[in-house]
């Protein structure tokens, strides 16, 4: 679970209301659950941990509860809480606080504080040490304050870790899951690196090609002091002005000769002639600048195209796709380069989606619904036209009690892709039920019943919504 972007998490304060209050009865299940855990001591990050609600969703729920007048939430960083009057010593309080703060970033091995190659005996020893410190029976009848909820979460995580790591089959599945996690994280980091590489390539082009203004700016020259005449300073003749403009034009062309043209015997007869020559020089300079840019971009495109070939030789389509993405950005009109990128990106997407599918399947099996929702959402990004991953993402979001609006969109997409699949309609109905939209849920269930009239689950849900 992600940590709140603002580390100065707010601490919501409960407001006493009658349980029969219409405001309370109007709450969604996840909102009611969060409200039940607000005690004026746990801050919003700690509440997210205790309730397994994402930080983003917690922020939205607290805003809803505050808007209904069910909690006090002023949006200002809460001052450091006063030392609680509890029946546990300072050393244990510090241990609980420190571990709870790090808990969401720890795997099972980290929770128990053992190495990944730890033996079953070592794992049991670590768990029994946890039990002696955090088991509820150890602190029966003691005043624990906010530490009670934290210790319950810690002990529950330790128990799960123990049960998984002491079972040979479960531990093998979990270790494979960790491998997939690391692999997916590495791929995500590579995708971020591709964005940085694009920026670096653009900067390389800018560095290789000076701005036009740099080339155009005339070199400093000593000021010319005109000769004095009885009527004032002598003005440059038309012929002198023409020579100066031609000199500038030659500089703009890199001291190359000016385009050949016949010059009238009397400059005054065609006063615009020098200006036309300078304009041609500017056009030539612009073409030269554009040629330099095209050359620099072609160089970068070849560089990253070569990098892609090297990555493919190492059987690394993800790195190859990232390199080709930069190459196509540098040379967007190259059809062959674009074709190579699309083929390689498809292979990279397949690897990424397979990795996240394995993650999501493991998380579903172990009812880690918030994590499963995130993993399925990443599969959806890689497989936007597959109904199954949309439906699974929606189902996980409903089970996690988070982002029902997005869950509805995902389930609707699944139904649109496969309109004859009754399971997708059941999932959409469950989203509507979680959102309190009973009539919408009934409509979807009736459509599902027509597609699969013998499905007992659908009939049971229809009875539920028809009451």
Protein backbone atom coordinates (compact mmCIF):
# COMPACT_ATOMS: atom_id res chain seq x y z
CA UNK A 1 0.00 0.00 0.00
CA UNK A 2 1.37 3.41 -0.95
CA UNK A 3 2.22 6.02 1.63
CA UNK A 4 0.39 9.32 1.60
CA UNK A 5 2.04 11.94 -0.59
CA UNK A 6 1.91 14.40 2.32
CA UNK A 7 3.89 12.85 5.16
CA UNK A 8 2.25 15.27 7.60
CA UNK A 9 -0.83 13.08 7.73
CA UNK A 10 -3.97 14.56 9.26
CA UNK A 11 -5.65 13.02 12.28
CA UNK A 12 -9.45 12.99 11.91
CA UNK A 13 -11.50 13.50 15.07
CA UNK A 14 -14.79 11.61 15.57
CA UNK A 15 -18.02 13.54 16.18
CA UNK A 16 -20.66 11.82 18.31
CA UNK A 17 -23.80 11.04 16.28
CA UNK A 18 -26.73 8.67 16.65
CA UNK A 19 -26.15 5.41 14.76
CA UNK A 20 -29.62 5.85 13.28
CA UNK A 21 -28.66 9.22 11.82
CA UNK A 22 -29.52 9.38 8.11
CA UNK A 23 -26.00 10.54 7.34
CA UNK A 24 -24.58 7.32 8.78
CA UNK A 25 -27.08 5.06 7.02
CA UNK A 26 -26.24 6.71 3.68
CA UNK A 27 -22.58 5.71 3.84
CA UNK A 28 -21.05 3.12 1.56
CA UNK A 29 -19.67 0.00 3.31
CA UNK A 30 -16.05 1.11 3.01
CA UNK A 31 -16.95 4.55 4.40
CA UNK A 32 -18.77 3.02 7.37
CA UNK A 33 -15.80 0.78 8.08
CA UNK A 34 -13.34 3.67 8.05
CA UNK A 35 -15.66 5.73 10.28
CA UNK A 36 -15.77 2.87 12.80
CA UNK A 37 -11.98 2.95 13.13
CA UNK A 38 -11.58 6.70 13.59
CA UNK A 39 -10.66 7.29 17.23
CA UNK A 40 -9.01 10.71 17.16
CA UNK A 41 -5.56 9.14 17.62
CA UNK A 42 -4.80 7.28 14.39
CA UNK A 43 -3.79 9.58 11.54
CA UNK A 44 -4.95 9.04 7.97
CA UNK A 45 -1.92 6.99 6.97
CA UNK A 46 -2.35 4.72 9.99
CA UNK A 47 -6.07 4.40 9.21
CA UNK A 48 -5.18 3.36 5.66
CA UNK A 49 -2.90 0.67 7.09
CA UNK A 50 -5.45 -0.59 9.63
CA UNK A 51 -8.34 -0.70 7.14
CA UNK A 52 -6.32 -1.85 4.08
CA UNK A 53 -7.67 1.13 2.13
CA UNK A 54 -5.37 2.89 -0.35
CA UNK A 55 -4.02 6.31 0.58
CA UNK A 56 -5.89 7.97 -2.30
CA UNK A 57 -9.17 6.33 -1.36
CA UNK A 58 -8.65 7.15 2.32
CA UNK A 59 -8.25 10.83 1.46
CA UNK A 60 -11.51 10.74 -0.52
CA UNK A 61 -13.39 8.91 2.26
CA UNK A 62 -12.22 11.37 4.91
CA UNK A 63 -13.31 14.26 2.70
CA UNK A 64 -16.77 12.65 2.39
CA UNK A 65 -17.08 12.03 6.13
CA UNK A 66 -15.96 15.57 6.91
CA UNK A 67 -18.44 16.97 4.38
CA UNK A 68 -21.25 15.08 6.12
CA UNK A 69 -20.19 16.46 9.48
CA UNK A 70 -19.32 13.02 10.85
CA UNK A 71 -15.68 13.84 11.58
CA UNK A 72 -13.59 16.95 12.16
CA UNK A 73 -10.91 17.35 9.51
CA UNK A 74 -9.45 20.81 9.11
CA UNK A 75 -6.81 19.88 6.53
CA UNK A 76 -4.00 21.29 8.66
CA UNK A 77 -1.13 19.11 9.74
CA UNK A 78 -1.87 17.75 13.17
CA UNK A 79 0.55 18.68 15.95
CA UNK A 80 2.65 15.87 17.43
CA UNK A 81 0.38 13.87 19.75
CA UNK A 82 0.97 14.07 23.46
CA UNK A 83 2.51 11.02 25.03
CA UNK A 84 -0.29 8.51 25.58
CA UNK A 85 -1.01 7.17 29.02
CA UNK A 86 -0.76 3.45 28.28
CA UNK A 87 0.32 0.32 30.15
CA UNK A 88 3.31 -0.59 27.96
CA UNK A 89 6.89 0.54 28.39
CA UNK A 90 8.72 3.06 26.22
CA UNK A 91 10.85 0.43 24.45
CA UNK A 92 7.81 -1.51 23.23
CA UNK A 93 6.00 1.70 22.23
CA UNK A 94 8.97 2.66 20.06
CA UNK A 95 9.21 -0.81 18.56
CA UNK A 96 5.51 -0.85 17.70
CA UNK A 97 5.61 2.63 16.16
CA UNK A 98 8.76 1.97 14.12
CA UNK A 99 7.59 -1.40 12.80
CA UNK A 100 4.10 -0.17 12.00
CA UNK A 101 5.54 2.73 10.00
CA UNK A 102 7.60 0.33 7.86
CA UNK A 103 5.10 -2.50 7.63
CA UNK A 104 3.65 -1.70 4.21
CA UNK A 105 7.11 -1.90 2.62
CA UNK A 106 8.06 -5.29 4.07
CA UNK A 107 7.61 -8.76 2.59
CA UNK A 108 6.97 -11.82 4.79
CA UNK A 109 10.67 -12.30 5.44
CA UNK A 110 11.09 -8.65 6.39
CA UNK A 111 8.11 -8.73 8.74
CA UNK A 112 9.62 -11.59 10.72
CA UNK A 113 13.13 -10.22 10.40
CA UNK A 114 14.58 -13.38 8.85
CA UNK A 115 16.65 -14.00 5.71
CA UNK A 116 15.03 -15.37 2.55
CA UNK A 117 16.91 -18.65 3.06
CA UNK A 118 15.83 -19.00 6.72
CA UNK A 119 14.95 -22.50 7.89
CA UNK A 120 11.53 -23.48 9.17
CA UNK A 121 12.94 -23.59 12.69
CA UNK A 122 14.32 -20.05 12.42
CA UNK A 123 11.00 -18.78 11.12
CA UNK A 124 9.08 -20.36 14.00
CA UNK A 125 11.51 -18.92 16.53
CA UNK A 126 11.04 -15.42 15.08
CA UNK A 127 7.25 -15.81 15.15
CA UNK A 128 7.15 -16.95 18.75
CA UNK A 129 9.20 -13.88 19.67
CA UNK A 130 6.53 -11.76 17.96
CA UNK A 131 3.79 -13.55 19.84
CA UNK A 132 5.45 -12.82 23.16
CA UNK A 133 5.53 -9.13 22.33
CA UNK A 134 2.36 -8.50 20.30
CA UNK A 135 -0.18 -11.24 20.99
CA UNK A 136 -3.46 -9.75 22.37
CA UNK A 137 -3.46 -12.18 25.31
CA UNK A 138 -0.08 -10.83 26.37
CA UNK A 139 -1.69 -7.43 27.05
CA UNK A 140 -5.09 -8.54 28.35
CA UNK A 141 -6.88 -5.84 30.37
CA UNK A 142 -4.09 -3.33 29.74
CA UNK A 143 -4.68 0.20 28.49
CA UNK A 144 -3.10 0.24 25.05
CA UNK A 145 -4.62 3.32 23.43
CA UNK A 146 -3.73 3.70 19.73
CA UNK A 147 -1.09 0.97 20.11
CA UNK A 148 -3.81 -1.68 20.29
CA UNK A 149 -4.83 -1.34 16.62
CA UNK A 150 -1.20 -1.14 15.50
CA UNK A 151 -0.22 -4.26 17.43
CA UNK A 152 -3.19 -6.15 15.99
CA UNK A 153 -2.10 -5.27 12.45
CA UNK A 154 1.52 -6.23 13.16
CA UNK A 155 0.61 -9.55 14.75
CA UNK A 156 -1.80 -10.38 11.93
CA UNK A 157 0.94 -9.74 9.36
CA UNK A 158 3.40 -11.84 11.36
CA UNK A 159 0.88 -14.69 11.57
CA UNK A 160 0.30 -14.62 7.81
CA UNK A 161 4.06 -14.58 7.22
CA UNK A 162 4.54 -17.55 9.55
CA UNK A 163 1.74 -19.59 7.99
CA UNK A 164 3.06 -19.04 4.46
CA UNK A 165 6.76 -19.50 5.12
CA UNK A 166 6.40 -22.67 7.20
CA UNK A 167 4.33 -24.39 4.49
CA UNK A 168 6.59 -25.76 1.74
CA UNK A 169 4.10 -25.36 -1.09
CA UNK A 170 2.88 -21.92 0.00
CA UNK A 171 6.42 -20.71 0.48
CA UNK A 172 7.38 -21.81 -3.05
CA UNK A 173 4.40 -19.92 -4.47
CA UNK A 174 5.26 -16.86 -2.42
CA UNK A 175 8.91 -16.91 -3.49
CA UNK A 176 7.78 -17.08 -7.14
CA UNK A 177 5.46 -14.15 -6.44
CA UNK A 178 8.38 -12.13 -5.04
CA UNK A 179 10.40 -12.91 -8.18
CA UNK A 180 7.52 -11.61 -10.33
CA UNK A 181 7.26 -8.52 -8.14
CA UNK A 182 10.94 -7.72 -8.58
CA UNK A 183 10.74 -8.38 -12.30
CA UNK A 184 7.70 -6.13 -12.74
CA UNK A 185 9.34 -3.43 -10.66
CA UNK A 186 12.43 -3.64 -12.86
CA UNK A 187 10.32 -3.32 -16.00
CA UNK A 188 8.50 -0.30 -14.58
CA UNK A 189 11.86 1.30 -13.78
CA UNK A 190 12.98 0.67 -17.36
CA UNK A 191 9.82 2.36 -18.66
CA UNK A 192 10.64 5.40 -16.55
CA UNK A 193 14.21 5.31 -17.86
CA UNK A 194 12.85 5.47 -21.42
CA UNK A 195 11.24 8.83 -20.66
CA UNK A 196 14.55 10.10 -19.30
CA UNK A 197 16.31 8.79 -22.41
CA UNK A 198 13.89 10.71 -24.64
CA UNK A 199 14.66 13.90 -22.77
CA UNK A 200 18.39 13.17 -23.05
CA UNK A 201 18.11 12.60 -26.80
CA UNK A 202 16.25 15.89 -27.28
CA UNK A 203 18.88 17.69 -25.23
CA UNK A 204 21.62 16.12 -27.37
CA UNK A 205 19.93 17.50 -30.49
CA UNK A 206 19.69 20.98 -28.96
CA UNK A 207 23.35 20.86 -27.94
CA UNK A 208 24.46 19.80 -31.41
CA UNK A 209 22.53 22.56 -33.21
CA UNK A 210 22.96 26.20 -32.10
CA UNK A 211 19.95 28.46 -32.21
CA UNK A 212 19.47 30.48 -35.39
CA UNK A 213 19.84 33.69 -33.41
CA UNK A 214 23.39 32.67 -32.49
CA UNK A 215 24.35 32.36 -36.15
CA UNK A 216 22.51 35.49 -37.21
CA UNK A 217 23.80 37.87 -34.59
CA UNK A 218 26.41 40.13 -36.25
CA UNK A 219 29.90 40.07 -34.81
CA UNK A 220 30.80 43.18 -32.84
CA UNK A 221 32.63 45.77 -34.91
CA UNK A 222 34.25 49.05 -34.10
CA UNK A 223 31.81 51.94 -34.40
CA UNK A 224 32.12 54.01 -37.54
CA UNK A 225 32.46 57.72 -36.89
CA UNK A 226 31.06 59.60 -39.86
CA UNK A 227 32.91 62.63 -41.17
CA UNK A 228 31.50 65.95 -40.09
CA UNK A 229 29.97 68.25 -42.66
CA UNK A 230 28.88 71.81 -42.27
CA UNK A 231 25.29 70.59 -41.98
CA UNK A 232 26.01 67.75 -39.49
CA UNK A 233 27.24 64.12 -39.55
CA UNK A 234 27.70 62.62 -43.01
CA UNK A 235 25.12 59.92 -43.83
CA UNK A 236 26.18 56.69 -45.50
CA UNK A 237 25.60 56.64 -49.23
CA UNK A 238 23.22 54.12 -50.81
CA UNK A 239 26.23 52.24 -52.20
CA UNK A 240 27.84 51.99 -48.72
CA UNK A 241 24.56 50.76 -47.22
CA UNK A 242 24.29 48.13 -49.93
CA UNK A 243 27.84 46.90 -49.26
CA UNK A 244 27.08 46.58 -45.53
CA UNK A 245 23.90 44.59 -46.19
CA UNK A 246 25.75 42.30 -48.60
CA UNK A 247 28.48 41.77 -46.00
CA UNK A 248 25.84 40.72 -43.48
CA UNK A 249 24.26 38.40 -46.04
CA UNK A 250 27.62 36.75 -46.71
CA UNK A 251 28.06 36.20 -42.96
CA UNK A 252 24.62 34.65 -42.76
CA UNK A 253 25.67 32.26 -45.51
CA UNK A 254 28.85 31.30 -43.69
CA UNK A 255 31.04 33.61 -45.83
CA UNK A 256 29.94 31.83 -49.00
CA UNK A 257 29.41 33.83 -52.14
CA UNK A 258 26.08 35.53 -52.61
CA UNK A 259 23.70 34.22 -55.27
CA UNK A 260 24.72 35.62 -58.67
CA UNK A 261 22.47 38.38 -59.86
CA UNK A 262 22.90 41.44 -62.04
CA UNK A 263 23.18 44.65 -60.09
CA UNK A 264 21.82 47.88 -61.61
CA UNK A 265 24.30 50.57 -62.37
CA UNK A 266 22.55 52.93 -60.02
CA UNK A 267 21.58 51.39 -56.63
CA UNK A 268 19.00 54.07 -56.07
CA UNK A 269 17.05 52.81 -59.08
CA UNK A 270 16.14 49.58 -57.24
CA UNK A 271 16.33 50.39 -53.51
CA UNK A 272 14.83 47.01 -52.41
CA UNK A 273 17.48 44.90 -54.18
CA UNK A 274 19.87 44.54 -51.16
CA UNK A 275 16.97 43.65 -48.89
CA UNK A 276 15.97 40.82 -51.22
CA UNK A 277 19.53 39.46 -51.09
CA UNK A 278 19.51 39.47 -47.28
CA UNK A 279 16.12 37.69 -47.26
CA UNK A 280 17.54 34.96 -49.49
CA UNK A 281 20.45 34.63 -47.09
CA UNK A 282 18.04 34.21 -44.18
CA UNK A 283 16.18 31.49 -46.09
CA UNK A 284 19.44 29.72 -46.78
CA UNK A 285 20.40 29.96 -43.11
CA UNK A 286 17.05 28.54 -42.09
CA UNK A 287 17.53 25.60 -44.46
CA UNK A 288 21.02 25.04 -43.08
CA UNK A 289 19.64 25.06 -39.51
CA UNK A 290 16.90 22.58 -40.43
CA UNK A 291 19.49 20.33 -42.12
CA UNK A 292 21.58 20.38 -38.93
CA UNK A 293 18.56 19.46 -36.81
CA UNK A 294 17.62 16.62 -39.18
CA UNK A 295 21.19 15.34 -39.11
CA UNK A 296 21.36 15.46 -35.29
CA UNK A 297 18.01 13.69 -34.92
CA UNK A 298 19.05 11.03 -37.45
CA UNK A 299 22.22 10.44 -35.45
CA UNK A 300 20.20 9.95 -32.25
CA UNK A 301 17.71 7.69 -34.03
CA UNK A 302 20.54 5.45 -35.27
CA UNK A 303 22.17 5.40 -31.85
CA UNK A 304 18.99 4.14 -30.14
CA UNK A 305 18.15 1.81 -33.02
CA UNK A 306 21.57 0.20 -32.55
CA UNK A 307 20.88 -0.04 -28.81
CA UNK A 308 17.62 -1.84 -29.59
CA UNK A 309 19.38 -4.39 -31.81
CA UNK A 310 21.89 -5.06 -29.04
CA UNK A 311 19.05 -5.56 -26.51
CA UNK A 312 17.25 -7.98 -28.82
CA UNK A 313 20.48 -9.91 -29.23
CA UNK A 314 20.43 -10.28 -25.42
CA UNK A 315 16.77 -11.45 -25.59
CA UNK A 316 15.57 -8.31 -23.78
CA UNK A 317 12.53 -7.01 -25.70
CA UNK A 318 11.62 -4.57 -22.93
CA UNK A 319 14.93 -2.70 -23.23
CA UNK A 320 14.68 -2.93 -27.02
CA UNK A 321 11.19 -1.44 -27.02
CA UNK A 322 12.33 1.42 -24.81
CA UNK A 323 15.25 2.18 -27.15
CA UNK A 324 13.05 2.01 -30.24
CA UNK A 325 10.53 4.33 -28.61
CA UNK A 326 13.25 6.97 -28.39
CA UNK A 327 14.42 6.21 -31.95
CA UNK A 328 10.90 6.69 -33.35
CA UNK A 329 10.60 9.97 -31.46
CA UNK A 330 13.80 11.15 -33.15
CA UNK A 331 12.72 9.92 -36.61
CA UNK A 332 8.89 9.81 -36.66
CA UNK A 333 8.60 9.50 -40.45
CA UNK A 334 10.65 6.29 -40.62
CA UNK A 335 8.02 3.62 -41.35
CA UNK A 336 10.41 0.70 -40.88
CA UNK A 337 11.57 2.00 -37.52
CA UNK A 338 7.95 2.44 -36.44
CA UNK A 339 7.12 -1.13 -37.50
CA UNK A 340 10.05 -2.51 -35.49
CA UNK A 341 8.95 -0.51 -32.46
CA UNK A 342 5.35 -1.74 -32.62
CA UNK A 343 6.45 -5.38 -32.92
CA UNK A 344 8.96 -5.10 -30.08
CA UNK A 345 6.54 -3.18 -27.86
CA UNK A 346 3.94 -5.92 -28.35
CA UNK A 347 6.49 -8.49 -27.13
CA UNK A 348 7.38 -6.28 -24.15
CA UNK A 349 3.68 -5.79 -23.29
CA UNK A 350 3.19 -9.56 -23.37
CA UNK A 351 6.02 -10.06 -20.87
CA UNK A 352 4.73 -7.29 -18.62
CA UNK A 353 1.11 -8.47 -18.72
CA UNK A 354 2.08 -12.09 -18.04
CA UNK A 355 4.14 -10.99 -15.05
CA UNK A 356 1.34 -8.87 -13.62
CA UNK A 357 -1.24 -11.58 -14.34
CA UNK A 358 0.73 -14.04 -12.20
CA UNK A 359 0.99 -11.41 -9.48
CA UNK A 360 -2.71 -10.63 -9.60
CA UNK A 361 -3.69 -14.31 -9.54
CA UNK A 362 -1.57 -14.90 -6.43
CA UNK A 363 -3.00 -11.80 -4.75
CA UNK A 364 -6.57 -12.88 -5.52
CA UNK A 365 -5.90 -16.33 -4.11
CA UNK A 366 -4.67 -14.77 -0.88
CA UNK A 367 -7.43 -12.12 -0.80
CA UNK A 368 -4.98 -9.24 -1.15
CA UNK A 369 -7.64 -7.28 -2.97
CA UNK A 370 -6.03 -3.83 -3.01
CA UNK A 371 -2.84 -5.27 -4.48
CA UNK A 372 -4.79 -7.44 -6.92
CA UNK A 373 -6.70 -4.38 -8.15
CA UNK A 374 -3.44 -2.57 -8.93
CA UNK A 375 -1.93 -5.59 -10.66
CA UNK A 376 -5.01 -6.20 -12.82
CA UNK A 377 -5.10 -2.51 -13.72
CA UNK A 378 -1.56 -2.86 -15.10
CA UNK A 379 -2.65 -5.91 -17.10
CA UNK A 380 -5.52 -3.84 -18.52
CA UNK A 381 -3.02 -1.19 -19.66
CA UNK A 382 -1.09 -3.85 -21.60
CA UNK A 383 -4.21 -5.69 -22.88
CA UNK A 384 -6.84 -3.00 -23.45
CA UNK A 385 -9.00 -5.23 -25.67
CA UNK A 386 -9.28 -8.26 -23.37
CA UNK A 387 -12.50 -8.47 -21.39
CA UNK A 388 -11.20 -10.88 -18.76
CA UNK A 389 -8.59 -8.53 -17.27
CA UNK A 390 -11.11 -5.65 -17.17
CA UNK A 391 -13.58 -7.85 -15.28
CA UNK A 392 -10.92 -9.10 -12.85
CA UNK A 393 -9.74 -5.55 -12.13
CA UNK A 394 -13.31 -4.46 -11.45
CA UNK A 395 -13.94 -7.45 -9.18
CA UNK A 396 -10.78 -6.76 -7.16
CA UNK A 397 -11.71 -3.09 -6.74
CA UNK A 398 -15.15 -4.06 -5.42
CA UNK A 399 -13.62 -6.54 -2.99
CA UNK A 400 -11.12 -3.92 -1.83
CA UNK A 401 -13.90 -1.35 -1.47
CA UNK A 402 -11.96 1.23 -3.46
CA UNK A 403 -12.67 3.42 -6.49
CA UNK A 404 -16.09 2.08 -7.42
CA UNK A 405 -16.38 4.61 -10.25
CA UNK A 406 -13.33 3.12 -11.97
CA UNK A 407 -14.58 -0.40 -11.19
CA UNK A 408 -17.85 0.38 -12.98
CA UNK A 409 -15.99 1.64 -16.06
CA UNK A 410 -13.86 -1.51 -16.16
CA UNK A 411 -16.85 -3.84 -15.80
CA UNK A 412 -18.80 -1.90 -18.43
CA UNK A 413 -15.87 -2.26 -20.82
CA UNK A 414 -15.75 -6.01 -20.18
CA UNK A 415 -19.47 -6.25 -20.98
CA UNK A 416 -19.01 -4.21 -24.16
CA UNK A 417 -16.15 -6.44 -25.36
CA UNK A 418 -17.97 -9.69 -24.52
CA UNK A 419 -21.70 -8.89 -24.26
CA UNK A 420 -22.69 -12.58 -24.11
CA UNK A 421 -20.58 -13.35 -21.03
CA UNK A 422 -22.89 -13.45 -18.01
CA UNK A 423 -19.99 -13.30 -15.52
CA UNK A 424 -19.09 -9.79 -16.62
CA UNK A 425 -22.65 -8.64 -16.01
CA UNK A 426 -22.64 -10.19 -12.54
CA UNK A 427 -19.45 -8.30 -11.69
CA UNK A 428 -20.99 -5.06 -12.97
CA UNK A 429 -24.07 -5.78 -10.83
CA UNK A 430 -21.83 -6.23 -7.77
CA UNK A 431 -20.22 -2.87 -8.48
CA UNK A 432 -23.64 -1.24 -8.62
CA UNK A 433 -24.69 -2.97 -5.38
CA UNK A 434 -21.55 -1.72 -3.62
CA UNK A 435 -22.39 1.78 -4.85
CA UNK A 436 -25.99 1.50 -3.65
CA UNK A 437 -27.44 1.52 -7.21
CA UNK A 438 -29.91 -1.32 -6.70
CA UNK A 439 -32.01 -0.77 -9.83
CA UNK A 440 -28.93 -0.76 -12.04
CA UNK A 441 -27.73 -3.96 -10.36
CA UNK A 442 -31.11 -5.62 -10.89
CA UNK A 443 -31.08 -4.73 -14.59
CA UNK A 444 -27.64 -6.32 -15.08
CA UNK A 445 -28.59 -9.42 -13.11
CA UNK A 446 -31.75 -9.92 -15.16
CA UNK A 447 -29.66 -9.72 -18.33
CA UNK A 448 -27.17 -12.20 -16.83
CA UNK A 449 -30.02 -14.57 -15.90
CA UNK A 450 -31.20 -14.62 -19.50
CA UNK A 451 -27.70 -15.60 -20.62
CA UNK A 452 -27.29 -18.26 -17.90
CA UNK A 453 -30.71 -19.20 -16.46
CA UNK A 454 -29.35 -22.12 -14.42
CA UNK A 455 -26.75 -20.08 -12.49
CA UNK A 456 -27.72 -20.27 -8.80
CA UNK A 457 -25.48 -17.31 -7.88
CA UNK A 458 -27.39 -15.03 -10.23
CA UNK A 459 -30.74 -16.20 -8.88
CA UNK A 460 -29.62 -15.62 -5.30
CA UNK A 461 -28.46 -12.11 -6.11
CA UNK A 462 -31.73 -11.37 -7.89
CA UNK A 463 -33.67 -12.42 -4.80
CA UNK A 464 -31.47 -10.16 -2.70
CA UNK A 465 -32.05 -7.06 -4.83
CA UNK A 466 -35.76 -7.76 -5.24
CA UNK A 467 -36.51 -7.61 -1.50
